[in-house]
Amino acid sequence: MRVNQTRDHLGEIGYFVDSNYWGKGIATRATKLIEKWGFNKLKLKRIEIMMNPKNKASEKIAIKCGYKKEGLMKKALHDGKEDAYLYAKVRN
């Protein structure tokens, strides 16, 4: 979890799982735990997940965890070389 330094109500989750452990639910469980910590302990109001549109596994994790797609961010990843989907969840 990374908390935005200028907007302390906002956190961002990123995940990387070694290919030997794909399909075991590790990133999904970790996302749910980090989200709980972010909302309950850090009092975040919003958590975002950005991913390459080609990374269908990352998108599946975000959807499974209840994040909503907010749009396509042009040239947002890798020094402006790649687009990204933005998924987010807000605390009620």
N, C-alpha and C. Protein backbone atom coordinates (compact mmCIF):
# COMPACT_ATOMS: atom_id res chain seq x y z
N MET A 1 0.85 -1.16 0.00
CA MET A 1 0.00 0.00 0.00
C MET A 1 0.89 1.22 0.00
N ARG A 2 0.58 2.13 -0.87
CA ARG A 2 1.28 3.40 -0.92
C ARG A 2 0.25 4.49 -0.70
N VAL A 3 0.50 5.35 0.28
CA VAL A 3 -0.39 6.47 0.57
C VAL A 3 0.15 7.68 -0.15
N ASN A 4 -0.72 8.40 -0.83
CA ASN A 4 -0.33 9.60 -1.55
C ASN A 4 0.12 10.67 -0.55
N GLN A 5 1.30 11.23 -0.76
CA GLN A 5 1.88 12.19 0.19
C GLN A 5 1.10 13.50 0.24
N THR A 6 0.53 13.92 -0.86
CA THR A 6 -0.20 15.19 -0.87
C THR A 6 -1.69 15.03 -0.65
N ARG A 7 -2.18 13.82 -0.87
CA ARG A 7 -3.61 13.53 -0.65
C ARG A 7 -3.69 12.30 0.24
N ASP A 8 -3.59 12.52 1.55
CA ASP A 8 -3.46 11.40 2.49
C ASP A 8 -4.73 10.58 2.66
N HIS A 9 -5.78 10.92 1.95
CA HIS A 9 -7.00 10.12 1.98
C HIS A 9 -6.97 9.02 0.91
N LEU A 10 -5.92 9.01 0.09
CA LEU A 10 -5.84 8.15 -1.08
C LEU A 10 -4.69 7.15 -0.96
N GLY A 11 -4.99 5.88 -1.25
CA GLY A 11 -3.96 4.84 -1.27
C GLY A 11 -3.97 4.13 -2.60
N GLU A 12 -2.86 3.47 -2.91
CA GLU A 12 -2.75 2.71 -4.15
C GLU A 12 -2.19 1.33 -3.83
N ILE A 13 -2.81 0.32 -4.41
CA ILE A 13 -2.37 -1.06 -4.23
C ILE A 13 -1.75 -1.54 -5.54
N GLY A 14 -0.62 -2.22 -5.42
CA GLY A 14 0.00 -2.88 -6.55
C GLY A 14 0.40 -4.28 -6.13
N TYR A 15 0.42 -5.20 -7.07
CA TYR A 15 0.79 -6.56 -6.72
C TYR A 15 1.59 -7.21 -7.84
N PHE A 16 2.50 -8.06 -7.43
CA PHE A 16 3.29 -8.89 -8.35
C PHE A 16 3.42 -10.26 -7.69
N VAL A 17 3.06 -11.29 -8.42
CA VAL A 17 3.16 -12.65 -7.92
C VAL A 17 4.02 -13.45 -8.90
N ASP A 18 5.03 -14.13 -8.37
CA ASP A 18 5.87 -14.99 -9.19
C ASP A 18 5.00 -16.02 -9.92
N SER A 19 5.35 -16.28 -11.17
CA SER A 19 4.53 -17.19 -11.99
C SER A 19 4.36 -18.59 -11.37
N ASN A 20 5.26 -19.00 -10.51
CA ASN A 20 5.12 -20.30 -9.84
C ASN A 20 3.91 -20.34 -8.91
N TYR A 21 3.39 -19.18 -8.55
CA TYR A 21 2.29 -19.10 -7.58
C TYR A 21 1.02 -18.53 -8.18
N TRP A 22 0.95 -18.36 -9.48
CA TRP A 22 -0.26 -17.86 -10.13
C TRP A 22 -1.43 -18.81 -9.91
N GLY A 23 -2.62 -18.26 -9.82
CA GLY A 23 -3.83 -19.07 -9.73
C GLY A 23 -4.12 -19.63 -8.36
N LYS A 24 -3.40 -19.18 -7.35
CA LYS A 24 -3.60 -19.68 -5.99
C LYS A 24 -4.35 -18.69 -5.09
N GLY A 25 -4.76 -17.57 -5.65
CA GLY A 25 -5.53 -16.59 -4.87
C GLY A 25 -4.70 -15.70 -3.98
N ILE A 26 -3.39 -15.71 -4.14
CA ILE A 26 -2.51 -14.95 -3.26
C ILE A 26 -2.75 -13.45 -3.39
N ALA A 27 -2.76 -12.94 -4.61
CA ALA A 27 -2.95 -11.49 -4.81
C ALA A 27 -4.34 -11.04 -4.37
N THR A 28 -5.34 -11.88 -4.59
CA THR A 28 -6.70 -11.54 -4.17
C THR A 28 -6.78 -11.44 -2.66
N ARG A 29 -6.22 -12.41 -1.95
CA ARG A 29 -6.24 -12.38 -0.48
C ARG A 29 -5.43 -11.20 0.04
N ALA A 30 -4.27 -10.97 -0.55
CA ALA A 30 -3.43 -9.85 -0.11
C ALA A 30 -4.12 -8.52 -0.35
N THR A 31 -4.77 -8.37 -1.49
CA THR A 31 -5.48 -7.12 -1.78
C THR A 31 -6.58 -6.87 -0.75
N LYS A 32 -7.33 -7.89 -0.41
CA LYS A 32 -8.40 -7.73 0.58
C LYS A 32 -7.84 -7.35 1.96
N LEU A 33 -6.74 -7.96 2.35
CA LEU A 33 -6.13 -7.64 3.65
C LEU A 33 -5.57 -6.22 3.68
N ILE A 34 -4.86 -5.85 2.62
CA ILE A 34 -4.28 -4.50 2.56
C ILE A 34 -5.39 -3.45 2.51
N GLU A 35 -6.44 -3.74 1.77
CA GLU A 35 -7.57 -2.82 1.69
C GLU A 35 -8.20 -2.60 3.08
N LYS A 36 -8.41 -3.69 3.79
CA LYS A 36 -8.98 -3.59 5.14
C LYS A 36 -8.11 -2.72 6.04
N TRP A 37 -6.81 -2.94 5.99
CA TRP A 37 -5.86 -2.15 6.76
C TRP A 37 -5.91 -0.68 6.34
N GLY A 38 -5.94 -0.44 5.04
CA GLY A 38 -5.96 0.94 4.53
C GLY A 38 -7.21 1.69 4.96
N PHE A 39 -8.36 1.06 4.84
CA PHE A 39 -9.61 1.73 5.22
C PHE A 39 -9.77 1.85 6.74
N ASN A 40 -9.44 0.79 7.47
CA ASN A 40 -9.69 0.79 8.92
C ASN A 40 -8.60 1.46 9.75
N LYS A 41 -7.35 1.20 9.43
CA LYS A 41 -6.25 1.75 10.24
C LYS A 41 -5.76 3.10 9.72
N LEU A 42 -5.61 3.20 8.42
CA LEU A 42 -5.10 4.45 7.85
C LEU A 42 -6.20 5.47 7.58
N LYS A 43 -7.46 5.01 7.69
CA LYS A 43 -8.63 5.88 7.47
C LYS A 43 -8.66 6.47 6.06
N LEU A 44 -8.20 5.68 5.08
CA LEU A 44 -8.26 6.13 3.70
C LEU A 44 -9.71 6.22 3.25
N LYS A 45 -9.96 7.10 2.32
CA LYS A 45 -11.30 7.23 1.77
C LYS A 45 -11.40 6.59 0.38
N ARG A 46 -10.25 6.36 -0.23
CA ARG A 46 -10.21 5.83 -1.60
C ARG A 46 -8.93 5.01 -1.79
N ILE A 47 -9.08 3.86 -2.47
CA ILE A 47 -7.94 3.03 -2.84
C ILE A 47 -8.03 2.76 -4.33
N GLU A 48 -6.89 2.92 -5.01
CA GLU A 48 -6.84 2.74 -6.45
C GLU A 48 -5.92 1.58 -6.82
N ILE A 49 -6.23 0.95 -7.95
CA ILE A 49 -5.37 -0.05 -8.56
C ILE A 49 -5.26 0.32 -10.04
N MET A 50 -4.03 0.49 -10.52
CA MET A 50 -3.81 0.75 -11.94
C MET A 50 -3.14 -0.46 -12.55
N MET A 51 -3.54 -0.79 -13.79
CA MET A 51 -2.94 -1.94 -14.45
C MET A 51 -2.90 -1.75 -15.95
N ASN A 52 -1.98 -2.45 -16.58
CA ASN A 52 -1.91 -2.47 -18.03
C ASN A 52 -3.18 -3.15 -18.55
N PRO A 53 -3.85 -2.57 -19.54
CA PRO A 53 -5.08 -3.18 -20.07
C PRO A 53 -4.89 -4.60 -20.60
N LYS A 54 -3.68 -4.98 -20.96
CA LYS A 54 -3.41 -6.33 -21.45
C LYS A 54 -3.31 -7.35 -20.32
N ASN A 55 -3.17 -6.87 -19.07
CA ASN A 55 -3.00 -7.77 -17.93
C ASN A 55 -4.37 -8.18 -17.39
N LYS A 56 -4.95 -9.17 -18.02
CA LYS A 56 -6.30 -9.63 -17.66
C LYS A 56 -6.34 -10.24 -16.26
N ALA A 57 -5.25 -10.84 -15.80
CA ALA A 57 -5.22 -11.43 -14.45
C ALA A 57 -5.33 -10.34 -13.40
N SER A 58 -4.64 -9.22 -13.59
CA SER A 58 -4.73 -8.11 -12.63
C SER A 58 -6.13 -7.53 -12.63
N GLU A 59 -6.71 -7.41 -13.80
CA GLU A 59 -8.08 -6.88 -13.89
C GLU A 59 -9.06 -7.80 -13.17
N LYS A 60 -8.88 -9.10 -13.31
CA LYS A 60 -9.74 -10.08 -12.65
C LYS A 60 -9.65 -9.95 -11.12
N ILE A 61 -8.45 -9.72 -10.61
CA ILE A 61 -8.26 -9.55 -9.17
C ILE A 61 -9.01 -8.31 -8.68
N ALA A 62 -8.86 -7.20 -9.39
CA ALA A 62 -9.54 -5.96 -8.99
C ALA A 62 -11.06 -6.16 -8.97
N ILE A 63 -11.58 -6.80 -9.98
CA ILE A 63 -13.03 -7.03 -10.05
C ILE A 63 -13.48 -7.96 -8.93
N LYS A 64 -12.72 -9.04 -8.69
CA LYS A 64 -13.06 -9.98 -7.61
C LYS A 64 -13.12 -9.29 -6.25
N CYS A 65 -12.26 -8.30 -6.07
CA CYS A 65 -12.18 -7.58 -4.79
C CYS A 65 -13.17 -6.41 -4.71
N GLY A 66 -13.99 -6.26 -5.73
CA GLY A 66 -15.04 -5.25 -5.68
C GLY A 66 -14.64 -3.86 -6.15
N TYR A 67 -13.52 -3.74 -6.85
CA TYR A 67 -13.10 -2.45 -7.38
C TYR A 67 -13.85 -2.19 -8.68
N LYS A 68 -14.15 -0.93 -8.96
CA LYS A 68 -14.90 -0.53 -10.15
C LYS A 68 -13.97 0.17 -11.14
N LYS A 69 -14.13 -0.18 -12.40
CA LYS A 69 -13.32 0.45 -13.44
C LYS A 69 -13.81 1.89 -13.62
N GLU A 70 -12.87 2.83 -13.53
CA GLU A 70 -13.20 4.23 -13.70
C GLU A 70 -12.78 4.76 -15.06
N GLY A 71 -11.90 4.04 -15.74
CA GLY A 71 -11.55 4.48 -17.08
C GLY A 71 -10.17 4.06 -17.53
N LEU A 72 -9.85 4.52 -18.73
CA LEU A 72 -8.56 4.26 -19.34
C LEU A 72 -7.72 5.53 -19.23
N MET A 73 -6.54 5.39 -18.64
CA MET A 73 -5.63 6.53 -18.48
C MET A 73 -4.56 6.41 -19.57
N LYS A 74 -4.60 7.33 -20.51
CA LYS A 74 -3.65 7.31 -21.62
C LYS A 74 -2.24 7.66 -21.14
N LYS A 75 -1.27 6.86 -21.57
CA LYS A 75 0.15 7.11 -21.31
C LYS A 75 0.46 7.30 -19.83
N ALA A 76 -0.12 6.47 -18.98
CA ALA A 76 0.02 6.61 -17.52
C ALA A 76 1.10 5.72 -16.90
N LEU A 77 1.55 4.71 -17.62
CA LEU A 77 2.53 3.77 -17.06
C LEU A 77 3.85 3.82 -17.82
N HIS A 78 4.90 3.39 -17.12
CA HIS A 78 6.22 3.22 -17.74
C HIS A 78 6.68 4.47 -18.47
N ASP A 79 6.77 5.55 -17.70
CA ASP A 79 7.26 6.83 -18.23
C ASP A 79 6.45 7.32 -19.43
N GLY A 80 5.15 7.12 -19.38
CA GLY A 80 4.28 7.61 -20.44
C GLY A 80 4.27 6.79 -21.71
N LYS A 81 4.72 5.55 -21.61
CA LYS A 81 4.77 4.70 -22.79
C LYS A 81 3.57 3.77 -22.93
N GLU A 82 2.85 3.56 -21.83
CA GLU A 82 1.74 2.60 -21.86
C GLU A 82 0.50 3.17 -21.18
N ASP A 83 -0.65 2.73 -21.66
CA ASP A 83 -1.92 3.11 -21.06
C ASP A 83 -2.18 2.26 -19.82
N ALA A 84 -3.15 2.68 -19.02
CA ALA A 84 -3.51 1.93 -17.81
C ALA A 84 -5.00 2.03 -17.57
N TYR A 85 -5.57 0.94 -17.08
CA TYR A 85 -6.93 0.99 -16.56
C TYR A 85 -6.82 1.47 -15.11
N LEU A 86 -7.77 2.28 -14.70
CA LEU A 86 -7.86 2.71 -13.31
C LEU A 86 -9.09 2.08 -12.68
N TYR A 87 -8.86 1.30 -11.64
CA TYR A 87 -9.94 0.72 -10.82
C TYR A 87 -9.85 1.37 -9.45
N ALA A 88 -10.98 1.57 -8.80
CA ALA A 88 -10.96 2.20 -7.48
C ALA A 88 -12.12 1.69 -6.62
N LYS A 89 -11.93 1.86 -5.32
CA LYS A 89 -12.98 1.56 -4.34
C LYS A 89 -12.96 2.70 -3.33
N VAL A 90 -14.14 3.16 -2.95
CA VAL A 90 -14.24 4.21 -1.95
C VAL A 90 -14.93 3.66 -0.72
N ARG A 91 -14.51 4.20 0.42
CA ARG A 91 -15.11 3.78 1.70
C ARG A 91 -16.45 4.44 1.86
N ASN A 92 -17.41 3.68 2.29
CA ASN A 92 -18.78 4.21 2.51
C ASN A 92 -18.84 5.14 3.69
